[in-house]
PDB file of N, CA and C in Angstrom:
ATOM      1  N   UNK A   1       0.534   8.289  -1.921  1.00  0.00           N
ATOM      2  CA  UNK A   1       1.000   7.721  -2.390  1.00  0.00           C
ATOM      3  C   UNK A   1       0.424   6.282  -3.274  1.00  0.00           C
ATOM      4  N   UNK A   2       0.662   5.528  -4.004  1.00  0.00           N
ATOM      5  CA  UNK A   2       0.154   4.474  -4.612  1.00  0.00           C
ATOM      6  C   UNK A   2       1.234   3.463  -5.584  1.00  0.00           C
ATOM      7  N   UNK A   3       0.322   3.296  -6.737  1.00  0.00           N
ATOM      8  CA  UNK A   3       1.028   1.949  -7.398  1.00  0.00           C
ATOM      9  C   UNK A   3       1.657   3.178  -8.888  1.00  0.00           C
ATOM     10  N   UNK A   4       1.850   3.826  -8.579  1.00  0.00           N
ATOM     11  CA  UNK A   4       2.641   4.873  -9.254  1.00  0.00           C
ATOM     12  C   UNK A   4       3.623   5.290  -8.898  1.00  0.00           C
ATOM     13  N   UNK A   5       3.886   5.227  -7.700  1.00  0.00           N
ATOM     14  CA  UNK A   5       5.380   6.534  -6.732  1.00  0.00           C
ATOM     15  C   UNK A   5       5.359   4.868  -6.726  1.00  0.00           C
ATOM     16  N   UNK A   6       5.314   4.109  -6.853  1.00  0.00           N
ATOM     17  CA  UNK A   6       6.290   2.503  -6.321  1.00  0.00           C
ATOM     18  C   UNK A   6       6.343   1.781  -6.954  1.00  0.00           C
ATOM     19  N   UNK A   7       5.646   1.931  -8.461  1.00  0.00           N
ATOM     20  CA  UNK A   7       6.499   1.551  -9.609  1.00  0.00           C
ATOM     21  C   UNK A   7       7.426   2.375 -10.111  1.00  0.00           C
ATOM     22  N   UNK A   8       7.165   3.705 -10.225  1.00  0.00           N
ATOM     23  CA  UNK A   8       8.231   4.605 -10.352  1.00  0.00           C
ATOM     24  C   UNK A   8      10.065   4.550  -9.483  1.00  0.00           C
ATOM     25  N   UNK A   9       9.347   4.343  -7.897  1.00  0.00           N
ATOM     26  CA  UNK A   9      10.928   4.093  -6.891  1.00  0.00           C
ATOM     27  C   UNK A   9      11.247   2.211  -7.653  1.00  0.00           C
ATOM     28  N   UNK A  10      10.925   1.741  -7.082  1.00  0.00           N
ATOM     29  CA  UNK A  10      11.210  -0.058  -8.254  1.00  0.00           C
ATOM     30  C   UNK A  10      11.630   0.423  -9.509  1.00  0.00           C
ATOM     31  N   UNK A  11      11.322   1.047 -10.199  1.00  0.00           N
ATOM     32  CA  UNK A  11      12.415   1.070 -11.128  1.00  0.00           C
ATOM     33  C   UNK A  11      13.213   1.715 -11.614  1.00  0.00           C
ATOM     34  N   UNK A  12      13.575   3.128 -10.559  1.00  0.00           N
ATOM     35  CA  UNK A  12      14.557   3.871 -10.842  1.00  0.00           C
ATOM     36  C   UNK A  12      15.489   3.288  -9.860  1.00  0.00           C
ATOM     37  N   UNK A  13      14.920   2.387  -9.003  1.00  0.00           N
ATOM     38  CA  UNK A  13      15.840   2.152  -8.044  1.00  0.00           C
ATOM     39  C   UNK A  13      16.742   0.522  -8.896  1.00  0.00           C
ATOM     40  N   UNK A  14      16.074  -0.287  -9.560  1.00  0.00           N
ATOM     41  CA  UNK A  14      16.476  -0.590 -10.617  1.00  0.00           C
ATOM     42  C   UNK A  14      18.034  -0.803 -11.639  1.00  0.00           C
ATOM     43  N   UNK A  15      17.497  -0.092 -12.051  1.00  0.00           N
ATOM     44  CA  UNK A  15      18.217   1.248 -12.831  1.00  0.00           C
ATOM     45  C   UNK A  15      19.239   1.617 -12.194  1.00  0.00           C
ATOM     46  N   UNK A  16      19.565   1.829 -11.116  1.00  0.00           N
ATOM     47  CA  UNK A  16      20.573   2.330 -10.549  1.00  0.00           C
ATOM     48  C   UNK A  16      21.369   1.359  -9.996  1.00  0.00           C
ATOM     49  N   UNK A  17      20.697   0.165  -9.590  1.00  0.00           N
ATOM     50  CA  UNK A  17      21.261  -0.887  -8.717  1.00  0.00           C
ATOM     51  C   UNK A  17      21.930  -1.987 -10.027  1.00  0.00           C
ATOM     52  N   UNK A  18      21.152  -2.065 -11.262  1.00  0.00           N
ATOM     53  CA  UNK A  18      21.693  -3.025 -12.332  1.00  0.00           C
ATOM     54  C   UNK A  18      22.362  -2.009 -13.593  1.00  0.00           C
ATOM     55  N   UNK A  19      22.032  -1.248 -13.142  1.00  0.00           N
ATOM     56  CA  UNK A  19      22.367  -0.700 -15.198  1.00  0.00           C
ATOM     57  C   UNK A  19      23.665   0.426 -15.154  1.00  0.00           C
ATOM     58  N   UNK A  20      23.459   1.713 -13.746  1.00  0.00           N
ATOM     59  CA  UNK A  20      24.423   1.930 -13.791  1.00  0.00           C
ATOM     60  C   UNK A  20      25.965   1.940 -13.812  1.00  0.00           C
ATOM     61  N   UNK A  21      26.890   2.791 -14.481  1.00  0.00           N
ATOM     62  CA  UNK A  21      28.176   2.139 -13.246  1.00  0.00           C
ATOM     63  C   UNK A  21      29.356   3.441 -13.156  1.00  0.00           C
ATOM     64  N   UNK A  22      28.275   4.251 -13.500  1.00  0.00           N
ATOM     65  CA  UNK A  22      29.108   5.867 -13.227  1.00  0.00           C
ATOM     66  C   UNK A  22      28.995   5.462 -11.562  1.00  0.00           C
ATOM     67  N   UNK A  23      30.640   5.958 -11.353  1.00  0.00           N
ATOM     68  CA  UNK A  23      30.556   6.758  -9.725  1.00  0.00           C
ATOM     69  C   UNK A  23      30.568   7.889  -9.715  1.00  0.00           C
ATOM     70  N   UNK A  24      29.969   7.927  -7.728  1.00  0.00           N
ATOM     71  CA  UNK A  24      30.117   9.485  -7.005  1.00  0.00           C
ATOM     72  C   UNK A  24      30.990   9.129  -5.970  1.00  0.00           C
ATOM     73  N   UNK A  25      31.899   9.550  -5.721  1.00  0.00           N
ATOM     74  CA  UNK A  25      33.105   9.351  -4.638  1.00  0.00           C
ATOM     75  C   UNK A  25      31.639   9.672  -2.903  1.00  0.00           C
ATOM     76  N   UNK A  26      31.618   8.651  -2.856  1.00  0.00           N
ATOM     77  CA  UNK A  26      31.288   8.588  -0.676  1.00  0.00           C
ATOM     78  C   UNK A  26      29.283   8.250  -1.046  1.00  0.00           C
ATOM     79  N   UNK A  27      29.352   7.704  -2.186  1.00  0.00           N
ATOM     80  CA  UNK A  27      28.017   7.124  -2.699  1.00  0.00           C
ATOM     81  C   UNK A  27      28.428   5.949  -3.486  1.00  0.00           C
ATOM     82  N   UNK A  28      27.527   5.216  -2.643  1.00  0.00           N
ATOM     83  CA  UNK A  28      27.393   3.763  -3.328  1.00  0.00           C
ATOM     84  C   UNK A  28      25.702   3.527  -4.139  1.00  0.00           C
ATOM     85  N   UNK A  29      25.790   3.914  -5.280  1.00  0.00           N
ATOM     86  CA  UNK A  29      25.032   4.103  -6.851  1.00  0.00           C
ATOM     87  C   UNK A  29      24.124   2.516  -6.114  1.00  0.00           C
ATOM     88  N   UNK A  30      24.903   1.162  -6.385  1.00  0.00           N
ATOM     89  CA  UNK A  30      24.123   0.326  -6.387  1.00  0.00           C
ATOM     90  C   UNK A  30      23.545   0.449  -5.122  1.00  0.00           C
ATOM     91  N   UNK A  31      23.657   0.545  -4.156  1.00  0.00           N
ATOM     92  CA  UNK A  31      23.024   0.415  -2.749  1.00  0.00           C
ATOM     93  C   UNK A  31      21.743   0.956  -2.569  1.00  0.00           C
ATOM     94  N   UNK A  32      22.326   2.683  -2.644  1.00  0.00           N
ATOM     95  CA  UNK A  32      21.094   3.535  -3.481  1.00  0.00           C
ATOM     96  C   UNK A  32      19.584   3.044  -4.344  1.00  0.00           C
ATOM     97  N   UNK A  33      20.512   1.794  -5.505  1.00  0.00           N
ATOM     98  CA  UNK A  33      19.310   1.505  -5.995  1.00  0.00           C
ATOM     99  C   UNK A  33      18.899   0.441  -5.433  1.00  0.00           C
ATOM    100  N   UNK A  34      19.119  -0.367  -4.435  1.00  0.00           N
ATOM    101  CA  UNK A  34      19.001  -1.209  -4.218  1.00  0.00           C
ATOM    102  C   UNK A  34      17.774  -1.194  -3.106  1.00  0.00           C
ATOM    103  N   UNK A  35      18.276   0.235  -2.230  1.00  0.00           N
ATOM    104  CA  UNK A  35      17.392   0.761  -1.456  1.00  0.00           C
ATOM    105  C   UNK A  35      16.192   1.287  -1.859  1.00  0.00           C
ATOM    106  N   UNK A  36      16.202   1.513  -3.438  1.00  0.00           N
ATOM    107  CA  UNK A  36      14.757   2.471  -3.541  1.00  0.00           C
ATOM    108  C   UNK A  36      13.802   1.201  -4.848  1.00  0.00           C
ATOM    109  N   UNK A  37      14.481   0.587  -5.000  1.00  0.00           N
ATOM    110  CA  UNK A  37      13.620  -0.559  -5.490  1.00  0.00           C
ATOM    111  C   UNK A  37      13.382  -1.497  -3.708  1.00  0.00           C
ATOM    112  N   UNK A  38      13.570  -1.687  -2.879  1.00  0.00           N
ATOM    113  CA  UNK A  38      12.754  -2.338  -2.311  1.00  0.00           C
ATOM    114  C   UNK A  38      11.921  -1.344  -1.214  1.00  0.00           C
ATOM    115  N   UNK A  39      11.783   0.110  -1.307  1.00  0.00           N
ATOM    116  CA  UNK A  39      10.716   0.881  -1.184  1.00  0.00           C
ATOM    117  C   UNK A  39      10.194   1.314  -1.497  1.00  0.00           C
ATOM    118  N   UNK A  40      10.037   0.520  -3.494  1.00  0.00           N
ATOM    119  CA  UNK A  40       8.700   0.981  -4.340  1.00  0.00           C
ATOM    120  C   UNK A  40       8.315  -0.428  -4.721  1.00  0.00           C
ATOM    121  N   UNK A  41       9.086  -1.618  -3.870  1.00  0.00           N
ATOM    122  CA  UNK A  41       8.179  -2.891  -3.640  1.00  0.00           C
ATOM    123  C   UNK A  41       6.906  -2.744  -2.541  1.00  0.00           C
ATOM    124  N   UNK A  42       7.701  -1.908  -1.315  1.00  0.00           N
ATOM    125  CA  UNK A  42       6.660  -2.270   0.004  1.00  0.00           C
ATOM    126  C   UNK A  42       5.933  -1.030  -1.013  1.00  0.00           C
ATOM    127  N   UNK A  43       6.407  -0.109  -1.673  1.00  0.00           N
ATOM    128  CA  UNK A  43       4.715   0.901  -1.591  1.00  0.00           C
ATOM    129  C   UNK A  43       3.496   0.460  -2.004  1.00  0.00           C
ATOM    130  N   UNK A  44       4.016  -0.445  -3.335  1.00  0.00           N
ATOM    131  CA  UNK A  44       3.128  -1.737  -4.037  1.00  0.00           C
ATOM    132  C   UNK A  44       2.463  -2.147  -3.095  1.00  0.00           C
ATOM    133  N   UNK A  45       2.844  -2.902  -1.943  1.00  0.00           N
ATOM    134  CA  UNK A  45       2.332  -3.773  -1.339  1.00  0.00           C
ATOM    135  C   UNK A  45       1.344  -3.480   0.033  1.00  0.00           C
ATOM    136  N   UNK A  46       1.875  -2.389   0.239  1.00  0.00           N
ATOM    137  CA  UNK A  46       1.009  -1.091   1.245  1.00  0.00           C
ATOM    138  C   UNK A  46      -0.370  -0.737   0.551  1.00  0.00           C
ATOM    139  N   UNK A  47       0.345  -0.520  -0.879  1.00  0.00           N
ATOM    140  CA  UNK A  47      -1.376   0.458  -1.684  1.00  0.00           C
ATOM    141  C   UNK A  47      -1.999  -0.885  -1.476  1.00  0.00           C
ATOM    142  N   UNK A  48      -1.366  -2.324  -2.057  1.00  0.00           N
ATOM    143  CA  UNK A  48      -2.623  -3.819  -2.379  1.00  0.00           C
ATOM    144  C   UNK A  48      -3.370  -3.677  -1.330  1.00  0.00           C
ATOM    145  N   UNK A  49      -2.451  -3.750  -0.450  1.00  0.00           N
ATOM    146  CA  UNK A  49      -3.073  -3.940   1.188  1.00  0.00           C
ATOM    147  C   UNK A  49      -4.522  -2.724   1.690  1.00  0.00           C
ATOM    148  N   UNK A  50      -3.600  -2.240   1.494  1.00  0.00           N
ATOM    149  CA  UNK A  50      -4.554  -0.629   2.127  1.00  0.00           C
ATOM    150  C   UNK A  50      -6.881  -0.971   0.918  1.00  0.00           C
ATOM    151  N   UNK A  51      -6.141  -0.489   0.068  1.00  0.00           N
ATOM    152  CA  UNK A  51      -6.676  -0.792  -1.277  1.00  0.00           C
ATOM    153  C   UNK A  51      -7.609  -1.892  -0.781  1.00  0.00           C
ATOM    154  N   UNK A  52      -7.573  -2.886  -0.721  1.00  0.00           N
ATOM    155  CA  UNK A  52      -8.530  -4.301  -1.067  1.00  0.00           C
ATOM    156  C   UNK A  52      -9.121  -4.405   0.935  1.00  0.00           C
ATOM    157  N   UNK A  53      -8.630  -3.684   1.321  1.00  0.00           N
ATOM    158  CA  UNK A  53      -9.264  -3.935   3.375  1.00  0.00           C
ATOM    159  C   UNK A  53     -10.699  -2.903   2.592  1.00  0.00           C
ATOM    160  N   UNK A  54     -10.626  -1.849   2.492  1.00  0.00           N
ATOM    161  CA  UNK A  54     -11.993  -1.621   1.600  1.00  0.00           C
ATOM    162  C   UNK A  54     -13.005  -2.302   1.520  1.00  0.00           C
ATOM    163  N   UNK A  55     -13.051  -3.190   0.984  1.00  0.00           N
ATOM    164  CA  UNK A  55     -13.252  -4.368  -0.376  1.00  0.00           C
ATOM    165  C   UNK A  55     -14.526  -5.292   0.468  1.00  0.00           C
ATOM    166  N   UNK A  56     -14.298  -5.459   2.081  1.00  0.00           N
ATOM    167  CA  UNK A  56     -14.947  -6.248   2.508  1.00  0.00           C
ATOM    168  C   UNK A  56     -16.423  -6.201   2.414  1.00  0.00           C
ATOM    169  N   UNK A  57     -17.010  -7.164   2.962  1.00  0.00           N
ATOM    170  CA  UNK A  57     -18.596  -7.008   2.582  1.00  0.00           C
ATOM    171  C   UNK A  57     -19.192  -6.494   4.313  1.00  0.00           C
ATOM    172  N   UNK A  58     -20.129  -6.066   4.193  1.00  0.00           N
ATOM    173  CA  UNK A  58     -20.846  -5.616   5.532  1.00  0.00           C
ATOM    174  C   UNK A  58     -22.289  -5.168   5.481  1.00  0.00           C
ATOM    175  N   UNK A  59     -23.100  -5.521   6.655  1.00  0.00           N
ATOM    176  CA  UNK A  59     -23.955  -5.405   6.565  1.00  0.00           C
ATOM    177  C   UNK A  59     -24.840  -4.636   7.733  1.00  0.00           C
ATOM    178  N   UNK A  60     -25.622  -3.761   7.152  1.00  0.00           N
ATOM    179  CA  UNK A  60     -25.990  -2.921   8.598  1.00  0.00           C
ATOM    180  C   UNK A  60     -27.774  -3.519   9.158  1.00  0.00           C
ATOM    181  N   UNK A  61     -27.779  -3.087  10.233  1.00  0.00           N
ATOM    182  CA  UNK A  61     -29.485  -3.764  11.069  1.00  0.00           C
ATOM    183  C   UNK A  61     -29.758  -2.811  11.650  1.00  0.00           C
ATOM    184  N   UNK A  62     -30.473  -2.705  11.153  1.00  0.00           N
ATOM    185  CA  UNK A  62     -31.713  -1.347  12.063  1.00  0.00           C
ATOM    186  C   UNK A  62     -32.783  -2.141  12.822  1.00  0.00           C
ATOM    187  N   UNK A  63     -32.445  -1.904  14.486  1.00  0.00           N
ATOM    188  CA  UNK A  63     -33.720  -2.941  15.034  1.00  0.00           C
ATOM    189  C   UNK A  63     -34.410  -1.366  15.981  1.00  0.00           C
ATOM    190  N   UNK A  64     -35.833  -1.403  15.649  1.00  0.00           N
ATOM    191  CA  UNK A  64     -36.219  -0.671  16.385  1.00  0.00           C
ATOM    192  C   UNK A  64     -37.469  -1.627  17.904  1.00  0.00           C
ATOM    193  N   UNK A  65     -36.829  -0.755  19.084  1.00  0.00           N
ATOM    194  CA  UNK A  65     -37.312  -1.159  20.234  1.00  0.00           C
ATOM    195  C   UNK A  65     -38.521  -1.334  20.464  1.00  0.00           C
ATOM    196  N   UNK A  66     -38.905  -1.845  21.522  1.00  0.00           N
ATOM    197  CA  UNK A  66     -40.176  -1.392  21.989  1.00  0.00           C
ATOM    198  C   UNK A  66     -40.910  -0.196  22.529  1.00  0.00           C
ATOM    199  N   UNK A  67     -40.366   0.554  23.026  1.00  0.00           N
ATOM    200  CA  UNK A  67     -40.341   1.566  23.077  1.00  0.00           C
ATOM    201  C   UNK A  67     -39.756   2.879  22.193  1.00  0.00           C
ATOM    202  N   UNK A  68     -39.729   2.968  20.753  1.00  0.00           N
ATOM    203  CA  UNK A  68     -39.739   3.320  19.188  1.00  0.00           C
ATOM    204  C   UNK A  68     -38.466   3.900  19.546  1.00  0.00           C
ATOM    205  N   UNK A  69     -37.707   3.565  20.408  1.00  0.00           N
ATOM    206  CA  UNK A  69     -35.994   3.942  19.570  1.00  0.00           C
ATOM    207  C   UNK A  69     -35.202   3.324  18.772  1.00  0.00           C
ATOM    208  N   UNK A  70     -34.580   3.143  17.911  1.00  0.00           N
ATOM    209  CA  UNK A  70     -33.897   2.683  16.968  1.00  0.00           C
ATOM    210  C   UNK A  70     -32.043   2.685  16.595  1.00  0.00           C
ATOM    211  N   UNK A  71     -32.089   1.270  17.019  1.00  0.00           N
ATOM    212  CA  UNK A  71     -30.169   1.085  17.104  1.00  0.00           C
ATOM    213  C   UNK A  71     -30.260   0.372  15.685  1.00  0.00           C
ATOM    214  N   UNK A  72     -28.533   1.088  15.177  1.00  0.00           N
ATOM    215  CA  UNK A  72     -27.923   0.683  14.341  1.00  0.00           C
ATOM    216  C   UNK A  72     -26.936  -0.172  14.530  1.00  0.00           C
ATOM    217  N   UNK A  73     -26.917  -1.231  13.973  1.00  0.00           N
ATOM    218  CA  UNK A  73     -25.291  -2.006  13.935  1.00  0.00           C
ATOM    219  C   UNK A  73     -24.795  -2.567  12.968  1.00  0.00           C
ATOM    220  N   UNK A  74     -23.978  -1.842  12.423  1.00  0.00           N
ATOM    221  CA  UNK A  74     -22.751  -2.492  11.816  1.00  0.00           C
ATOM    222  C   UNK A  74     -21.450  -3.713  11.408  1.00  0.00           C
ATOM    223  N   UNK A  75     -21.515  -4.829  10.786  1.00  0.00           N
ATOM    224  CA  UNK A  75     -20.934  -5.850  11.510  1.00  0.00           C
ATOM    225  C   UNK A  75     -20.107  -6.035   9.946  1.00  0.00           C
ATOM    226  N   UNK A  76     -18.380  -6.135   9.826  1.00  0.00           N
ATOM    227  CA  UNK A  76     -17.838  -6.588   8.826  1.00  0.00           C
ATOM    228  C   UNK A  76     -17.311  -7.841   8.702  1.00  0.00           C
ATOM    229  N   UNK A  77     -17.787  -7.960   7.092  1.00  0.00           N
ATOM    230  CA  UNK A  77     -17.374 -10.165   7.245  1.00  0.00           C
ATOM    231  C   UNK A  77     -15.938  -9.830   6.613  1.00  0.00           C
ATOM    232  N   UNK A  78     -14.680 -10.390   6.800  1.00  0.00           N
ATOM    233  CA  UNK A  78     -13.753 -10.675   6.906  1.00  0.00           C
ATOM    234  C   UNK A  78     -13.835 -11.618   5.656  1.00  0.00           C
ATOM    235  N   UNK A  79     -14.096 -11.613   4.064  1.00  0.00           N
ATOM    236  CA  UNK A  79     -14.190 -12.814   3.215  1.00  0.00           C
ATOM    237  C   UNK A  79     -13.124 -12.048   2.613  1.00  0.00           C
TER     238      UNK A  79
END
């Protein structure tokens, strides 16, 4: 899932909620449209948060101990 799927759900949901006047017995198309639009917006937000979480800066430090072994430490900054 990503921006494309979220955008698709948002657009189809808004079309169902705002533009479709047909009725199906037992199904409220307006409510289905609002639900789809909300899910599409959530997918877009989650995609943005997920993709931006990998862009944080990180530093890797390798320390050589007196006995000759090496220790590697990775730090991530929250910028």
